[in-house]
Protein backbone atom coordinates (compact mmCIF):
# COMPACT_ATOMS: atom_id res chain seq x y z
CA MET A 1 -11.71 -36.54 -21.02
CA PRO A 2 -9.56 -33.79 -19.39
CA LYS A 3 -5.87 -34.04 -20.06
CA ALA A 4 -3.34 -35.19 -17.51
CA PHE A 5 -0.92 -32.61 -16.19
CA PRO A 6 2.82 -33.00 -15.58
CA ASN A 7 3.95 -33.72 -12.07
CA GLY A 8 5.70 -30.35 -11.85
CA HIS A 9 2.55 -28.26 -12.33
CA ARG A 10 1.77 -25.62 -9.74
CA ALA A 11 0.42 -22.09 -9.89
CA THR A 12 3.13 -19.48 -9.34
CA VAL A 13 3.52 -15.73 -8.94
CA ALA A 14 6.08 -13.54 -10.71
CA ALA A 15 8.81 -12.25 -8.39
CA GLY A 16 7.77 -8.70 -9.28
CA PHE A 17 4.59 -9.07 -7.25
CA VAL A 18 6.61 -10.34 -4.28
CA THR A 19 9.09 -7.46 -4.39
CA GLY A 20 6.15 -5.08 -4.82
CA LEU A 21 4.45 -6.48 -1.72
CA LEU A 22 7.71 -5.95 0.21
CA SER A 23 8.49 -2.51 -1.25
CA GLY A 24 6.78 -0.60 1.56
CA VAL A 25 8.53 -2.76 4.15
CA ARG A 26 11.93 -2.00 2.61
CA ALA A 27 11.13 1.73 2.32
CA ARG A 28 10.47 1.79 6.06
CA GLY A 29 13.92 0.30 6.70
CA ILE A 30 12.50 -3.05 7.85
CA ASP A 31 14.42 -6.20 6.94
CA PRO A 32 12.07 -8.39 4.86
CA ALA A 33 14.12 -11.57 5.39
CA PRO A 34 12.13 -12.78 8.44
CA PHE A 35 8.86 -12.35 6.53
CA LEU A 36 10.21 -14.32 3.58
CA SER A 37 11.52 -17.04 5.88
CA ALA A 38 8.18 -17.34 7.68
CA ALA A 39 6.47 -17.76 4.31
CA GLY A 40 8.97 -20.40 3.17
CA ILE A 41 10.42 -18.22 0.39
CA PRO A 42 14.25 -18.20 0.12
CA SER A 43 15.50 -14.61 -0.29
CA ALA A 44 17.75 -15.75 -3.14
CA THR A 45 14.66 -16.73 -5.12
CA LEU A 46 13.91 -13.07 -5.83
CA GLU A 47 17.29 -12.21 -7.33
CA ALA A 48 16.41 -13.12 -10.94
CA ASP A 49 13.90 -11.02 -12.88
CA THR A 50 12.35 -14.21 -14.24
CA ALA A 51 12.01 -15.88 -10.83
CA ARG A 52 8.62 -17.25 -9.75
CA VAL A 53 7.25 -18.12 -6.33
CA PRO A 54 4.64 -20.82 -5.57
CA ILE A 55 1.31 -19.12 -5.00
CA GLU A 56 0.89 -20.67 -1.56
CA GLY A 57 4.17 -19.00 -0.53
CA TYR A 58 2.93 -15.66 -1.81
CA VAL A 59 -0.34 -16.04 0.12
CA ALA A 60 1.60 -16.90 3.28
CA LEU A 61 3.83 -13.84 2.77
CA TYR A 62 0.78 -11.63 2.20
CA ASN A 63 -0.81 -12.78 5.46
CA THR A 64 2.47 -12.68 7.39
CA VAL A 65 3.34 -9.10 6.44
CA ALA A 66 -0.21 -7.90 7.12
CA ARG A 67 -0.27 -9.63 10.50
CA GLU A 68 3.20 -8.64 11.71
CA LEU A 69 2.82 -4.99 10.70
CA ASP A 70 -0.86 -4.85 11.69
CA ASP A 71 -1.28 -3.26 8.27
CA GLU A 72 -3.23 -4.88 5.45
CA GLY A 73 -1.81 -2.18 3.17
CA PHE A 74 1.79 -3.48 3.65
CA ALA A 75 3.21 -0.08 4.77
CA LEU A 76 2.43 1.36 1.33
CA PHE A 77 0.12 4.18 2.41
CA SER A 78 0.18 7.29 4.58
CA ALA A 79 -1.84 5.48 7.26
CA PRO A 80 -1.96 1.75 7.99
CA LEU A 81 -4.97 -0.40 7.15
CA ARG A 82 -5.38 -2.16 10.48
CA ALA A 83 -6.21 -5.85 10.81
CA GLY A 84 -9.85 -6.42 9.92
CA THR A 85 -10.01 -3.84 7.12
CA PHE A 86 -10.49 -6.47 4.43
CA GLU A 87 -13.05 -8.34 6.50
CA PHE A 88 -15.19 -5.29 7.15
CA MET A 89 -15.05 -4.14 3.56
CA CYS A 90 -16.51 -7.55 2.63
CA ARG A 91 -19.11 -7.32 5.38
CA ALA A 92 -20.13 -3.90 4.08
CA MET A 93 -20.79 -5.55 0.69
CA LEU A 94 -22.99 -8.31 2.14
CA GLY A 95 -26.68 -7.99 1.42
CA SER A 96 -26.24 -5.83 -1.68
CA ARG A 97 -28.99 -6.34 -4.25
CA ASP A 98 -26.44 -6.67 -7.07
CA LEU A 99 -22.74 -6.43 -7.84
CA GLY A 100 -22.91 -2.75 -8.76
CA GLU A 101 -24.30 -1.87 -5.34
CA ALA A 102 -21.66 -4.07 -3.67
CA LEU A 103 -18.82 -2.27 -5.48
CA ASP A 104 -20.35 1.12 -4.64
CA ARG A 105 -20.37 0.07 -0.96
CA ALA A 106 -16.75 -1.04 -1.20
CA ALA A 107 -15.80 2.33 -2.75
CA ARG A 108 -17.52 4.22 0.07
CA PHE A 109 -15.82 2.06 2.68
CA LEU A 110 -12.39 2.58 1.09
CA ARG A 111 -12.95 6.34 1.00
CA ILE A 112 -12.98 6.20 4.81
CA VAL A 113 -9.96 3.98 5.39
CA LEU A 114 -7.78 4.61 2.31
CA PRO A 115 -7.63 8.33 1.47
CA ASP A 116 -4.52 7.88 -0.74
CA LEU A 117 -6.50 6.17 -3.53
CA GLN A 118 -10.07 7.03 -4.49
CA VAL A 119 -12.27 4.32 -6.01
CA SER A 120 -15.36 5.08 -8.07
CA LEU A 121 -17.73 3.14 -10.30
CA GLN A 122 -19.43 4.67 -13.34
CA ARG A 123 -21.95 3.18 -15.75
CA SER A 124 -22.30 4.34 -19.36
CA GLY A 125 -24.48 2.37 -21.75
CA ALA A 126 -23.19 -1.17 -22.16
CA THR A 127 -20.01 -0.66 -20.13
CA GLY A 128 -19.00 -0.02 -16.56
CA ARG A 129 -15.82 1.74 -15.46
CA LEU A 130 -14.03 1.05 -12.21
CA GLU A 131 -11.60 3.92 -11.68
CA ILE A 132 -8.82 4.30 -9.11
CA VAL A 133 -7.38 7.80 -8.78
CA GLU A 134 -4.26 8.71 -6.83
CA THR A 135 -5.16 11.48 -4.40
CA ARG A 136 -1.84 11.51 -2.56
CA SER A 137 1.42 11.03 -4.44
CA ARG A 138 2.92 7.56 -4.15
CA GLY A 139 6.28 8.65 -5.61
CA GLU A 140 7.66 8.43 -9.13
CA ALA A 141 5.55 6.76 -11.82
CA GLY A 142 7.67 3.60 -11.79
CA ASP A 143 8.14 3.37 -8.00
CA PRO A 144 7.49 -0.28 -6.99
CA ARG A 145 5.38 0.94 -4.06
CA ARG A 146 3.14 2.93 -6.38
CA ILE A 147 2.83 0.10 -8.92
CA PHE A 148 1.98 -2.51 -6.30
CA ALA A 149 -0.56 -0.23 -4.60
CA PHE A 150 -2.58 -0.06 -7.83
CA GLU A 151 -2.00 -3.76 -8.63
CA TRP A 152 -3.12 -4.80 -5.16
CA LEU A 153 -6.24 -2.64 -4.96
CA LEU A 154 -7.51 -3.63 -8.41
CA ARG A 155 -6.79 -7.29 -7.70
CA MET A 156 -8.64 -7.12 -4.39
CA LEU A 157 -11.73 -5.42 -5.82
CA HIS A 158 -11.87 -7.65 -8.90
CA ALA A 159 -11.39 -10.89 -6.96
CA VAL A 160 -13.92 -9.99 -4.28
CA ALA A 161 -16.47 -8.89 -6.90
CA SER A 162 -16.05 -12.22 -8.70
CA TRP A 163 -16.39 -14.06 -5.41
CA PHE A 164 -19.62 -12.27 -4.49
CA ALA A 165 -21.06 -13.03 -7.93
CA ALA A 166 -19.84 -16.66 -7.69
CA ARG A 167 -18.39 -16.43 -11.20
CA PRO A 168 -15.38 -14.77 -12.87
CA ILE A 169 -16.07 -11.15 -13.86
CA ALA A 170 -14.25 -10.35 -17.09
CA LEU A 171 -12.24 -7.14 -17.26
CA LEU A 172 -12.53 -6.07 -20.89
CA GLU A 173 -9.64 -3.61 -20.70
CA VAL A 174 -7.47 -2.00 -18.03
CA ARG A 175 -5.44 1.20 -18.37
CA PHE A 176 -2.72 1.39 -15.72
CA PRO A 177 -1.17 4.70 -14.58
CA PHE A 178 2.45 3.53 -14.64
CA PRO A 179 4.99 2.10 -17.11
CA ALA A 180 4.69 -1.59 -17.99
CA PRO A 181 6.47 -3.54 -15.22
CA ARG A 182 8.85 -6.42 -15.88
CA HIS A 183 6.23 -8.91 -14.73
CA VAL A 184 3.66 -7.60 -17.22
CA GLU A 185 3.16 -11.05 -18.78
CA ASP A 186 1.31 -12.12 -15.63
CA TYR A 187 -1.31 -9.43 -16.15
CA ALA A 188 -3.11 -11.67 -18.65
CA LEU A 189 -3.45 -14.33 -15.91
CA ILE A 190 -4.61 -11.94 -13.22
CA TYR A 191 -6.40 -9.01 -14.86
CA THR A 192 -6.83 -9.04 -18.64
CA ALA A 193 -4.84 -9.52 -21.82
CA ASN A 194 -5.99 -6.04 -22.89
CA ALA A 195 -3.74 -3.88 -20.73
CA SER A 196 -2.20 -0.51 -21.55
CA PHE A 197 0.06 1.73 -19.50
CA GLU A 198 1.02 5.29 -18.53
CA ALA A 199 -2.61 6.43 -18.27
CA GLY A 200 -3.70 9.32 -16.05
CA SER A 201 -5.55 7.01 -13.64
CA LEU A 202 -6.34 3.33 -13.42
CA VAL A 203 -9.50 2.53 -15.40
CA ALA A 204 -10.86 -1.02 -15.61
CA THR A 205 -13.67 -1.52 -18.13
CA LEU A 206 -16.25 -4.28 -17.74
CA ASP A 207 -19.58 -5.26 -19.21
CA ALA A 208 -22.34 -3.25 -17.50
CA ALA A 209 -24.45 -6.42 -17.39
CA SER A 210 -21.97 -7.79 -14.84
CA LEU A 211 -22.97 -5.04 -12.43
CA ALA A 212 -26.57 -6.32 -12.47
CA LEU A 213 -25.56 -9.83 -11.33
CA PRO A 214 -27.02 -10.79 -7.96
CA CYS A 215 -24.67 -11.11 -4.99
CA ARG A 216 -24.85 -14.80 -4.19
CA ARG A 217 -22.80 -15.09 -1.02
CA SER A 218 -24.16 -15.36 2.49
CA ALA A 219 -22.68 -14.40 5.85
CA ALA A 220 -21.82 -18.08 6.39
CA ASP A 221 -19.98 -18.14 3.04
CA LEU A 222 -18.03 -15.06 4.08
CA ASP A 223 -17.03 -16.56 7.43
CA SER A 224 -15.58 -19.57 5.59
CA PHE A 225 -13.88 -17.40 3.00
CA LEU A 226 -12.23 -15.19 5.61
CA SER A 227 -10.67 -18.21 7.31
CA GLY A 228 -7.88 -18.07 4.70
CA GLY A 229 -6.94 -14.52 5.68
CA PRO A 230 -6.90 -11.57 3.27
CA GLY A 231 -4.16 -13.26 1.24
CA LYS A 232 -6.70 -15.78 -0.02
CA ILE A 233 -7.79 -13.28 -2.68
CA ALA A 234 -4.49 -13.94 -4.48
CA MET A 235 -5.74 -17.44 -5.33
CA LEU A 236 -9.15 -16.46 -6.69
CA TYR A 237 -10.13 -16.56 -10.35
CA ARG A 238 -6.65 -16.89 -11.83
CA ARG A 239 -6.43 -18.41 -15.30
CA ASP A 240 -3.61 -20.80 -14.37
CA ARG A 241 -5.66 -22.94 -11.97
CA ASP A 242 -5.39 -25.76 -14.48
CA VAL A 243 -6.01 -28.66 -12.14
CA ALA A 244 -9.12 -27.10 -10.58
CA ARG A 245 -10.46 -26.38 -14.05
CA ALA A 246 -9.77 -29.96 -15.19
CA VAL A 247 -11.55 -31.36 -12.12
CA ARG A 248 -14.49 -29.09 -12.83
CA ASP A 249 -14.64 -30.36 -16.42
CA PHE A 250 -14.58 -33.95 -15.18
CA ALA A 251 -17.25 -33.38 -12.52
CA SER A 252 -19.54 -31.61 -14.98
CA CYS A 253 -19.87 -34.88 -16.91
CA SER A 254 -21.16 -36.84 -13.91
CA LEU A 255 -22.08 -34.77 -10.87
CA ALA A 256 -24.08 -37.59 -9.33
CA ASP A 257 -21.17 -39.94 -8.66
CA ALA A 258 -17.93 -38.05 -9.44
CA SER A 259 -15.38 -38.84 -6.75
CA LEU A 260 -11.86 -37.69 -5.95
CA GLY A 261 -10.52 -41.11 -6.94
CA ASP A 262 -12.36 -41.09 -10.27
CA ALA A 263 -11.10 -37.60 -11.07
CA ALA A 264 -7.52 -38.54 -10.15
CA ARG A 265 -7.59 -41.56 -12.47
CA ALA A 266 -9.02 -39.45 -15.30
CA LEU A 267 -6.20 -36.93 -14.84
CA GLY A 268 -3.49 -39.58 -14.63
CA MET A 269 -2.42 -39.06 -11.02
CA SER A 270 -3.03 -40.51 -7.57
CA ALA A 271 -5.80 -39.25 -5.32
CA ARG A 272 -3.18 -37.94 -2.88
CA THR A 273 -1.41 -35.99 -5.63
CA LEU A 274 -4.68 -34.53 -6.90
CA HIS A 275 -5.61 -33.47 -3.37
CA ARG A 276 -2.23 -31.74 -2.99
CA ARG A 277 -2.44 -30.02 -6.39
CA LEU A 278 -5.89 -28.67 -5.59
CA GLU A 279 -4.65 -27.50 -2.20
CA GLU A 280 -1.79 -25.63 -3.94
CA GLU A 281 -4.40 -23.86 -6.07
CA GLY A 282 -6.36 -22.86 -2.99
CA THR A 283 -9.25 -25.27 -3.28
CA SER A 284 -10.36 -28.89 -2.80
CA PHE A 285 -12.33 -31.51 -4.72
CA ARG A 286 -15.40 -30.85 -2.60
CA GLU A 287 -15.15 -27.08 -3.10
CA VAL A 288 -14.84 -27.47 -6.88
CA LYS A 289 -17.81 -29.83 -7.01
CA ASP A 290 -19.93 -27.66 -4.71
CA ALA A 291 -19.06 -24.51 -6.69
CA LEU A 292 -20.14 -26.26 -9.91
CA ARG A 293 -23.37 -27.43 -8.31
CA ARG A 294 -24.08 -23.94 -7.00
CA GLU A 295 -23.41 -22.32 -10.38
CA LEU A 296 -25.60 -24.82 -12.23
CA ALA A 297 -28.36 -24.53 -9.65
CA LEU A 298 -28.43 -20.74 -9.97
CA ASP A 299 -28.49 -20.99 -13.75
CA ARG A 300 -31.32 -23.54 -13.82
CA LEU A 301 -33.43 -21.62 -11.31
CA GLU A 302 -32.93 -18.30 -13.10
CA THR A 303 -33.21 -19.41 -16.74
CA THR A 304 -35.34 -22.58 -16.94
CA ALA A 305 -38.78 -23.81 -15.90
CA SER A 306 -37.39 -27.12 -14.55
CA SER A 307 -38.92 -28.19 -11.26
CA ILE A 308 -36.91 -28.15 -8.03
CA ALA A 309 -36.96 -31.97 -8.05
CA GLU A 310 -35.63 -32.09 -11.63
CA ILE A 311 -32.81 -29.67 -10.81
CA ALA A 312 -31.92 -31.65 -7.67
CA ALA A 313 -31.69 -34.87 -9.69
CA GLU A 314 -29.58 -33.21 -12.40
CA LEU A 315 -27.13 -32.00 -9.77
CA GLY A 316 -26.78 -35.47 -8.25
CA TYR A 317 -28.88 -35.09 -5.10
CA SER A 318 -30.80 -38.22 -4.13
CA GLU A 319 -33.62 -36.20 -2.57
CA PRO A 320 -34.95 -32.68 -3.25
CA SER A 321 -34.68 -32.01 0.50
CA ALA A 322 -30.88 -32.45 0.32
CA PHE A 323 -30.71 -29.93 -2.52
CA PHE A 324 -32.95 -27.56 -0.56
CA ARG A 325 -30.60 -27.65 2.45
CA ALA A 326 -27.49 -27.19 0.29
CA PHE A 327 -28.98 -24.28 -1.64
CA GLN A 328 -30.16 -22.53 1.49
CA GLY A 329 -26.64 -22.92 2.90
CA TRP A 330 -25.15 -21.31 -0.23
CA THR A 331 -27.51 -18.38 -0.56
CA GLY A 332 -29.58 -18.07 2.60
CA LEU A 333 -32.71 -18.49 0.45
CA ALA A 334 -34.97 -21.40 -0.45
CA PRO A 335 -34.66 -22.37 -4.15
CA SER A 336 -38.25 -21.27 -4.84
CA VAL A 337 -37.65 -17.87 -3.24
CA HIS A 338 -34.47 -17.34 -5.26
CA ARG A 339 -36.33 -18.24 -8.46
CA ARG A 340 -39.09 -15.72 -7.76
CA ARG A 341 -36.59 -13.00 -6.97
CA PHE A 342 -34.03 -13.53 -9.77
CA ARG A 343 -35.81 -15.40 -12.56
CA ILE A 344 -34.89 -13.96 -15.96
CA LYS A 345 -38.16 -13.54 -17.85
C-alpha cells in the first residue's frame, strides 16, 4: 500500500528559478513586485538563497509575466515571443509520426521566432543529442538572464516532448554552458542527476529509442493542455510529484473501482485534502487515473495479442464500447487502427 504523506507536503521551486524568470524584467528596469503580488509570492520570500516557492505560485508568475509583457520569453531575448508562441509551437508538433519528427518541427519553428538560441537534434547510434547553441550573446557566462534562458528552453522542450509521448523521456546527461547555479540541487528533479557545467553549448543526451516513440496526443488533448497557459509545463514530469505518484500506484492495483475516497483512505488523508494536494501538483484524481489507463492501453495494444474486450476489462471498463470511445478521445484513432499502425512485432 502506498505510504501516507505529511500534511505539509507540496511541490516547490527553488528561488533561483523565480529570480531567473524575473531577471529580464529587472534588466529592463521594470519593478517585479506587482508580478509577484499577482502570483501570491511575497517579495521577501526570495531574499534567502535557500528559499522555495510553491509550484502553483511559480506557474502563476510564469503566466502573469508572459501575459503582462506580451512576451513568453520574459524579456530575456532580443525580440519578444508574443502571446501564442508556445501554443503554435505545440500545434506545429501535432501530427508528427514520432517524437523525433516532433522535436525537429519544434526546432524549425524556434529558428523562426527565437534567433538568439538555435535548437538542433542529432542522432548517432543508440543516442540522440538535443543541442542548444547561443547565436547572440546573452551576457556573461553566469548572468541570471543567460542561465534562465537555457534552463527555460530545455525545460520547455523536454516537458513538451514527454507530454506528446505520454510518458517521461529520460535525459541521460546534460552539459550546461554556464557555471553551476546555486539552485543546482533542483536539476535532479527537473532535468537529470547527471549534469555538468561550463560546456561550450547545451547538450542533452537521450536514448535514441525515445525519438521513435509515437506522438500520442490529439488536437483535443492539446486544447485541454493549453487551458493552463504556457506555465503549465513547469508542473509536468517532475520527480517530486509524490502524491500523484502514490495515487497512480494505488489506482494501478484496482483500476476498475478505484475512487478518490478509497485513495485518500489508503494515503491517510481526507478526500478534500487529497484533491487539494493533487491540484497543487497540477493534476486531479481523474487525470491520474485516465493517464494510467491510457498508458496501459497503449502498452497492451502495442505489445500483446490481448483482444480489445480483454484490454477494456483489464482497464475497468464495463463495456468495450466505453473503452473504444475513451481511446478514440485520447488518440483520435480506434484501438484496432492504433494496433495495426504501432504494434511492435
